[in-house]
C-alpha atoms as a PDB file:
ATOM      1  CA  MET A   1      -0.034  -0.153   0.002  1.00  0.00           C
ATOM      2  CA  TRP A   2       2.994   2.296  -0.654  1.00  0.00           C
ATOM      3  CA  LEU A   3       0.636   4.685  -2.584  1.00  0.00           C
ATOM      4  CA  LEU A   4      -0.845   5.813   0.624  1.00  0.00           C
ATOM      5  CA  VAL A   5       2.259   7.781   1.485  1.00  0.00           C
ATOM      6  CA  PRO A   6       2.032  10.527  -1.184  1.00  0.00           C
ATOM      7  CA  LEU A   7      -1.747  10.571  -0.839  1.00  0.00           C
ATOM      8  CA  LEU A   8      -1.589  11.455   2.787  1.00  0.00           C
ATOM      9  CA  THR A   9       1.248  14.063   2.252  1.00  0.00           C
ATOM     10  CA  THR A  10      -0.219  17.633   2.583  1.00  0.00           C
ATOM     11  CA  GLN A  11       0.990  20.104  -0.112  1.00  0.00           C
ATOM     12  CA  PHE A  12      -0.123  23.647  -0.908  1.00  0.00           C
ATOM     13  CA  GLY A  13      -1.222  24.481  -4.368  1.00  0.00           C
ATOM     14  CA  CYS A  14      -2.764  21.030  -5.246  1.00  0.00           C
ATOM     15  CA  PRO A  15      -2.289  20.353  -8.960  1.00  0.00           C
ATOM     16  CA  LEU A  16      -5.306  19.758 -11.133  1.00  0.00           C
ATOM     17  CA  VAL A  17      -5.672  16.932 -13.627  1.00  0.00           C
ATOM     18  CA  SER A  18      -5.093  17.709 -17.251  1.00  0.00           C
ATOM     19  CA  ASP A  19      -7.090  15.937 -20.028  1.00  0.00           C
ATOM     20  CA  LEU A  20      -5.779  12.676 -21.388  1.00  0.00           C
ATOM     21  CA  PRO A  21      -3.808  13.332 -24.623  1.00  0.00           C
ATOM     22  CA  ASP A  22      -5.739  13.165 -27.910  1.00  0.00           C
ATOM     23  CA  ARG A  23      -2.419  11.871 -29.470  1.00  0.00           C
ATOM     24  CA  PHE A  24       0.411  10.031 -27.944  1.00  0.00           C
ATOM     25  CA  ASP A  25       3.766   8.665 -29.103  1.00  0.00           C
ATOM     26  CA  VAL A  26       3.779   4.933 -28.842  1.00  0.00           C
ATOM     27  CA  ALA A  27       6.969   2.938 -28.659  1.00  0.00           C
ATOM     28  CA  ILE A  28       7.305   0.118 -31.218  1.00  0.00           C
ATOM     29  CA  SER A  29      10.976  -0.817 -30.220  1.00  0.00           C
ATOM     30  CA  THR A  30      13.570   0.635 -27.895  1.00  0.00           C
ATOM     31  CA  ALA A  31      14.299   3.432 -30.339  1.00  0.00           C
ATOM     32  CA  GLU A  32      11.169   4.001 -32.440  1.00  0.00           C
ATOM     33  CA  THR A  33       7.911   5.448 -31.869  1.00  0.00           C
ATOM     34  CA  ARG A  34       4.778   6.211 -33.883  1.00  0.00           C
ATOM     35  CA  GLU A  35       1.991   8.692 -33.095  1.00  0.00           C
ATOM     36  CA  ALA A  36      -1.308   7.214 -32.207  1.00  0.00           C
ATOM     37  CA  ALA A  37      -4.875   8.599 -31.494  1.00  0.00           C
ATOM     38  CA  LYS A  38      -6.659   8.232 -28.359  1.00  0.00           C
ATOM     39  CA  ASP A  39      -8.921   5.172 -28.056  1.00  0.00           C
ATOM     40  CA  THR A  40      -6.946   3.132 -30.593  1.00  0.00           C
ATOM     41  CA  GLY A  41      -5.106  -0.139 -30.559  1.00  0.00           C
ATOM     42  CA  PRO A  42      -2.994  -2.419 -32.867  1.00  0.00           C
ATOM     43  CA  ALA A  43      -4.909  -4.031 -35.581  1.00  0.00           C
ATOM     44  CA  SER A  44      -3.425  -7.415 -34.911  1.00  0.00           C
ATOM     45  CA  LEU A  45      -4.752  -7.532 -31.428  1.00  0.00           C
ATOM     46  CA  ALA A  46      -8.343  -6.235 -32.180  1.00  0.00           C
ATOM     47  CA  GLY A  47     -11.310  -8.171 -31.286  1.00  0.00           C
ATOM     48  CA  ALA A  48      -9.707 -10.624 -29.056  1.00  0.00           C
ATOM     49  CA  SER A  49      -8.529 -11.356 -25.429  1.00  0.00           C
ATOM     50  CA  TRP A  50      -4.960 -12.156 -24.626  1.00  0.00           C
ATOM     51  CA  ARG A  51      -3.343 -13.791 -21.644  1.00  0.00           C
ATOM     52  CA  ILE A  52      -0.053 -11.922 -20.874  1.00  0.00           C
ATOM     53  CA  PHE A  53       2.812 -13.938 -19.297  1.00  0.00           C
ATOM     54  CA  ARG A  54       6.267 -12.714 -18.185  1.00  0.00           C
ATOM     55  CA  LYS A  55       8.790 -14.671 -20.238  1.00  0.00           C
ATOM     56  CA  ALA A  56      11.292 -16.801 -18.290  1.00  0.00           C
ATOM     57  CA  ASN A  57      14.752 -15.734 -19.094  1.00  0.00           C
ATOM     58  CA  PRO A  58      17.566 -17.807 -17.527  1.00  0.00           C
ATOM     59  CA  ASN A  59      20.230 -15.220 -18.663  1.00  0.00           C
ATOM     60  CA  GLU A  60      18.389 -12.241 -17.142  1.00  0.00           C
ATOM     61  CA  THR A  61      20.460 -10.253 -14.579  1.00  0.00           C
ATOM     62  CA  PRO A  62      19.174  -8.240 -11.722  1.00  0.00           C
ATOM     63  CA  THR A  63      18.587  -4.539 -12.471  1.00  0.00           C
ATOM     64  CA  ASP A  64      21.265  -2.268 -11.135  1.00  0.00           C
ATOM     65  CA  PRO A  65      19.588   0.975  -9.937  1.00  0.00           C
ATOM     66  CA  SER A  66      22.881   2.888 -10.256  1.00  0.00           C
ATOM     67  CA  SER A  67      23.118   2.373 -13.949  1.00  0.00           C
ATOM     68  CA  ALA A  68      19.411   2.058 -14.961  1.00  0.00           C
ATOM     69  CA  PRO A  69      18.582   3.284 -18.485  1.00  0.00           C
ATOM     70  CA  ARG A  70      15.822   5.695 -19.208  1.00  0.00           C
ATOM     71  CA  GLY A  71      12.583   4.151 -20.292  1.00  0.00           C
ATOM     72  CA  PRO A  72      10.797   4.827 -23.575  1.00  0.00           C
ATOM     73  CA  TYR A  73       8.182   6.948 -21.763  1.00  0.00           C
ATOM     74  CA  GLY A  74      10.646   8.657 -19.250  1.00  0.00           C
ATOM     75  CA  GLY A  75      11.748   7.732 -15.931  1.00  0.00           C
ATOM     76  CA  LEU A  76      14.401   5.302 -14.953  1.00  0.00           C
ATOM     77  CA  LEU A  77      14.026   1.571 -15.543  1.00  0.00           C
ATOM     78  CA  ASP A  78      15.454   0.585 -12.125  1.00  0.00           C
ATOM     79  CA  GLY A  79      13.047  -2.179 -11.244  1.00  0.00           C
ATOM     80  CA  GLY A  80      10.176   0.191 -10.424  1.00  0.00           C
ATOM     81  CA  LEU A  81       8.114   0.248  -7.317  1.00  0.00           C
ATOM     82  CA  LEU A  82       6.292  -3.053  -8.007  1.00  0.00           C
ATOM     83  CA  GLU A  83       7.532  -6.652  -7.506  1.00  0.00           C
ATOM     84  CA  ARG A  84       8.134  -8.461 -10.892  1.00  0.00           C
ATOM     85  CA  PRO A  85       6.049 -11.438 -11.678  1.00  0.00           C
ATOM     86  CA  PRO A  86       7.864 -14.729 -11.627  1.00  0.00           C
ATOM     87  CA  GLY A  87       9.127 -16.016 -14.986  1.00  0.00           C
ATOM     88  CA  GLY A  88       6.319 -17.836 -16.708  1.00  0.00           C
ATOM     89  CA  ALA A  89       3.565 -16.309 -14.516  1.00  0.00           C
ATOM     90  CA  GLN A  90       0.550 -14.911 -15.914  1.00  0.00           C
ATOM     91  CA  ILE A  91       0.353 -11.097 -15.328  1.00  0.00           C
ATOM     92  CA  PHE A  92      -3.175 -10.448 -16.543  1.00  0.00           C
ATOM     93  CA  VAL A  93      -5.655 -10.924 -19.317  1.00  0.00           C
ATOM     94  CA  VAL A  94      -6.349  -7.972 -21.717  1.00  0.00           C
ATOM     95  CA  GLU A  95      -9.310  -7.427 -23.835  1.00  0.00           C
ATOM     96  CA  PHE A  96      -9.586  -5.466 -27.081  1.00  0.00           C
ATOM     97  CA  ALA A  97     -12.675  -4.136 -28.884  1.00  0.00           C
ATOM     98  CA  ALA A  98     -13.295  -5.149 -32.543  1.00  0.00           C
ATOM     99  CA  ASP A  99     -12.253  -1.656 -33.662  1.00  0.00           C
ATOM    100  CA  GLY A 100      -8.862  -1.866 -31.855  1.00  0.00           C
ATOM    101  CA  PRO A 101      -8.596  -0.226 -28.433  1.00  0.00           C
ATOM    102  CA  MET A 102      -8.017  -2.047 -25.210  1.00  0.00           C
ATOM    103  CA  THR A 103     -11.124  -2.198 -23.037  1.00  0.00           C
ATOM    104  CA  ALA A 104     -10.307  -3.981 -19.942  1.00  0.00           C
ATOM    105  CA  VAL A 105      -7.588  -5.810 -17.802  1.00  0.00           C
ATOM    106  CA  ARG A 106      -8.899  -9.007 -16.327  1.00  0.00           C
ATOM    107  CA  GLU A 107      -7.488 -11.395 -13.602  1.00  0.00           C
ATOM    108  CA  ASN A 108      -4.977  -8.584 -12.457  1.00  0.00           C
ATOM    109  CA  LYS A 109      -2.642 -10.128  -9.867  1.00  0.00           C
ATOM    110  CA  PHE A 110       0.565  -8.064  -9.866  1.00  0.00           C
ATOM    111  CA  PHE A 111      -0.461  -4.394 -10.595  1.00  0.00           C
ATOM    112  CA  LEU A 112      -1.716  -2.942  -7.323  1.00  0.00           C
ATOM    113  CA  ALA A 113      -4.771  -5.338  -7.322  1.00  0.00           C
ATOM    114  CA  GLU A 114      -5.482  -4.476  -3.666  1.00  0.00           C
ATOM    115  CA  ILE A 115      -6.048  -0.805  -4.770  1.00  0.00           C
ATOM    116  CA  TYR A 116      -7.408  -1.056  -8.308  1.00  0.00           C
ATOM    117  CA  GLY A 117      -9.006  -4.530  -8.146  1.00  0.00           C
ATOM    118  CA  THR A 118      -8.558  -7.621 -10.352  1.00  0.00           C
ATOM    119  CA  GLU A 119     -10.988  -6.313 -13.005  1.00  0.00           C
ATOM    120  CA  VAL A 120      -9.834  -2.834 -14.384  1.00  0.00           C
ATOM    121  CA  PRO A 121     -11.686  -1.018 -17.239  1.00  0.00           C
ATOM    122  CA  VAL A 122      -9.714   0.758 -19.755  1.00  0.00           C
ATOM    123  CA  GLY A 123     -11.152   3.810 -21.484  1.00  0.00           C
ATOM    124  CA  ALA A 124     -13.981   4.543 -18.963  1.00  0.00           C
ATOM    125  CA  ASP A 125     -14.517   7.801 -17.134  1.00  0.00           C
ATOM    126  CA  TRP A 126     -13.188   8.261 -13.482  1.00  0.00           C
ATOM    127  CA  THR A 127     -13.447   4.989 -11.659  1.00  0.00           C
ATOM    128  CA  PRO A 128     -13.151   4.825  -7.783  1.00  0.00           C
ATOM    129  CA  THR A 129     -10.525   2.696  -6.183  1.00  0.00           C
ATOM    130  CA  VAL A 130     -10.779   1.112  -2.722  1.00  0.00           C
ATOM    131  CA  LEU A 131      -8.982   4.141  -1.283  1.00  0.00           C
ATOM    132  CA  PRO A 132     -11.379   6.950  -0.143  1.00  0.00           C
ATOM    133  CA  LEU A 133     -11.474   9.919  -2.676  1.00  0.00           C
ATOM    134  CA  VAL A 134      -8.930   8.123  -4.972  1.00  0.00           C
ATOM    135  CA  SER A 135     -10.042   7.524  -8.648  1.00  0.00           C
ATOM    136  CA  TYR A 136      -8.427   6.813 -12.040  1.00  0.00           C
ATOM    137  CA  ARG A 137      -9.241   7.032 -15.657  1.00  0.00           C
ATOM    138  CA  SER A 138      -7.229   5.779 -18.653  1.00  0.00           C
ATOM    139  CA  ALA A 139      -7.143   5.522 -22.465  1.00  0.00           C
ATOM    140  CA  SER A 140      -5.615   3.192 -24.945  1.00  0.00           C
ATOM    141  CA  TYR A 141      -3.132   4.254 -27.773  1.00  0.00           C
ATOM    142  CA  GLY A 142      -2.012   1.673 -30.356  1.00  0.00           C
ATOM    143  CA  VAL A 143      -0.323   1.432 -33.682  1.00  0.00           C
ATOM    144  CA  GLN A 144       0.372  -1.469 -36.137  1.00  0.00           C
ATOM    145  CA  VAL A 145       3.476  -1.159 -38.567  1.00  0.00           C
ATOM    146  CA  GLY A 146       3.705  -4.197 -40.711  1.00  0.00           C
ATOM    147  CA  GLU A 147       4.113  -7.217 -38.381  1.00  0.00           C
ATOM    148  CA  ARG A 148       5.098  -4.989 -35.393  1.00  0.00           C
ATOM    149  CA  PHE A 149       2.615  -3.562 -32.948  1.00  0.00           C
ATOM    150  CA  GLY A 150       2.988  -0.995 -30.207  1.00  0.00           C
ATOM    151  CA  LEU A 151       0.432  -0.405 -27.409  1.00  0.00           C
ATOM    152  CA  ALA A 152       0.357   2.125 -24.510  1.00  0.00           C
ATOM    153  CA  VAL A 153      -2.395   2.604 -21.860  1.00  0.00           C
ATOM    154  CA  VAL A 154      -2.112   5.913 -20.106  1.00  0.00           C
ATOM    155  CA  VAL A 155      -3.694   6.077 -16.607  1.00  0.00           C
ATOM    156  CA  GLN A 156      -4.222   9.186 -14.503  1.00  0.00           C
ATOM    157  CA  VAL A 157      -4.820   9.025 -10.753  1.00  0.00           C
ATOM    158  CA  ARG A 158      -6.411  11.834  -8.692  1.00  0.00           C
ATOM    159  CA  LEU A 159      -7.218  12.426  -5.032  1.00  0.00           C
ATOM    160  CA  GLY A 160     -10.411  14.273  -4.942  1.00  0.00           C
ATOM    161  CA  PHE A 161      -9.772  16.749  -7.770  1.00  0.00           C
ATOM    162  CA  SER A 162      -5.902  16.869  -7.368  1.00  0.00           C
ATOM    163  CA  PHE A 163      -3.494  15.122  -9.644  1.00  0.00           C
ATOM    164  CA  VAL A 164      -1.484  12.390  -7.913  1.00  0.00           C
ATOM    165  CA  GLY A 165       0.414  10.841 -10.832  1.00  0.00           C
ATOM    166  CA  ARG A 166       0.139   8.840 -13.952  1.00  0.00           C
ATOM    167  CA  ALA A 167       1.019   5.341 -15.129  1.00  0.00           C
ATOM    168  CA  VAL A 168       1.871   4.078 -18.602  1.00  0.00           C
ATOM    169  CA  LEU A 169       1.560   0.391 -19.240  1.00  0.00           C
ATOM    170  CA  TYR A 170       3.166  -0.509 -22.569  1.00  0.00           C
ATOM    171  CA  ALA A 171       4.149  -3.392 -24.859  1.00  0.00           C
ATOM    172  CA  TRP A 172       5.606  -3.791 -28.276  1.00  0.00           C
ATOM    173  CA  GLY A 173       6.484  -6.808 -30.364  1.00  0.00           C
ATOM    174  CA  THR A 174       5.308  -9.162 -33.175  1.00  0.00           C
ATOM    175  CA  GLY A 175       3.053 -12.154 -33.426  1.00  0.00           C
ATOM    176  CA  ASP A 176       0.416 -14.005 -35.289  1.00  0.00           C
ATOM    177  CA  ALA A 177      -3.264 -14.805 -34.677  1.00  0.00           C
ATOM    178  CA  ASP A 178      -2.533 -17.032 -31.688  1.00  0.00           C
ATOM    179  CA  ARG A 179       0.685 -15.869 -29.955  1.00  0.00           C
ATOM    180  CA  LEU A 180       2.573 -12.570 -29.275  1.00  0.00           C
ATOM    181  CA  GLU A 181       6.207 -11.922 -28.128  1.00  0.00           C
ATOM    182  CA  GLY A 182       8.058  -8.853 -27.201  1.00  0.00           C
ATOM    183  CA  MET A 183       8.709  -6.403 -24.388  1.00  0.00           C
ATOM    184  CA  PHE A 184       6.209  -5.327 -21.630  1.00  0.00           C
ATOM    185  CA  GLY A 185       6.869  -2.334 -19.221  1.00  0.00           C
ATOM    186  CA  TYR A 186       5.328   0.223 -16.991  1.00  0.00           C
ATOM    187  CA  LEU A 187       6.142   3.755 -15.927  1.00  0.00           C
ATOM    188  CA  LEU A 188       4.860   5.214 -12.580  1.00  0.00           C
ATOM    189  CA  ASP A 189       5.301   8.959 -13.004  1.00  0.00           C
ATOM    190  CA  PHE A 190       4.483  11.239 -10.172  1.00  0.00           C
ATOM    191  CA  THR A 191       6.012  14.336 -11.836  1.00  0.00           C
ATOM    192  CA  GLY A 192       3.792  17.304 -11.169  1.00  0.00           C
ATOM    193  CA  GLY A 193       1.578  15.342  -8.753  1.00  0.00           C
ATOM    194  CA  LEU A 194       1.231  14.912  -5.033  1.00  0.00           C
ATOM    195  CA  GLY A 195       3.739  12.166  -4.964  1.00  0.00           C
ATOM    196  CA  GLU A 196       6.494  13.972  -6.842  1.00  0.00           C
ATOM    197  CA  ALA A 197       8.776  14.809  -3.880  1.00  0.00           C
ATOM    198  CA  LEU A 198       8.790  11.126  -2.700  1.00  0.00           C
ATOM    199  CA  LEU A 199       8.482   8.874  -5.721  1.00  0.00           C
ATOM    200  CA  GLY A 200       9.466  10.588  -8.934  1.00  0.00           C
ATOM    201  CA  ALA A 201       9.254   8.634 -12.267  1.00  0.00           C
ATOM    202  CA  ARG A 202      10.351   4.947 -12.066  1.00  0.00           C
ATOM    203  CA  GLY A 203       9.526   1.905 -14.136  1.00  0.00           C
ATOM    204  CA  ASP A 204      10.443  -1.698 -15.179  1.00  0.00           C
ATOM    205  CA  GLN A 205      10.620  -3.552 -18.451  1.00  0.00           C
ATOM    206  CA  TYR A 206      10.884  -7.281 -19.385  1.00  0.00           C
ATOM    207  CA  GLU A 207      10.162  -9.807 -22.004  1.00  0.00           C
ATOM    208  CA  PHE A 208       6.644 -11.162 -22.272  1.00  0.00           C
ATOM    209  CA  PHE A 209       4.607 -13.514 -24.321  1.00  0.00           C
ATOM    210  CA  ALA A 210       0.956 -13.770 -24.918  1.00  0.00           C
ATOM    211  CA  GLU A 211      -1.602 -16.323 -25.883  1.00  0.00           C
ATOM    212  CA  ARG A 212      -4.971 -15.824 -27.443  1.00  0.00           C
ATOM    213  CA  ALA A 213      -7.654 -16.520 -24.924  1.00  0.00           C
ATOM    214  CA  GLU A 214     -10.517 -18.786 -25.834  1.00  0.00           C
END
């Protein structure tokens, strides 16, 4: 429940929440981005549900915070504030509308389920969490470039009407009708929000694979 710390920190001049961006630069690799409109998703993922797993990598080395690189959406990839799922573990299930955008996260086990729940809507208006006065909203942004896809879900969190911070959950990779492989990551960014002084902007990134859910 680490998020309680910044929420209970009193600051003057509480920041207001800006609108979710109409367009967003979505990473399709470590070095490339493409601009995507709000409420979109990769064509190859549309109209389906996908089970997302962390890929087991026996050659993976622990993250060294002192030499952590910057992530594709800012912040340091220093392991973040959340525990990594074990290799081979299902992270969650994601659902996509027929016209492309992600619409829901199901069976969430690792991303603050004690606050946001196991069933998390994407693209909905402000949705309450289990914490008093804390709510969130999000939007899906996605692109398809040949066989490659890129996806980002931008999440805003507020306390009352004051901005707490944002998260970006993202993935890129390739695949076919039944399986995807690539990189999955997240950014927790409290810049300009109530948690900035304590938490800053940090994230994590690792290999994933996905299987089409029946």
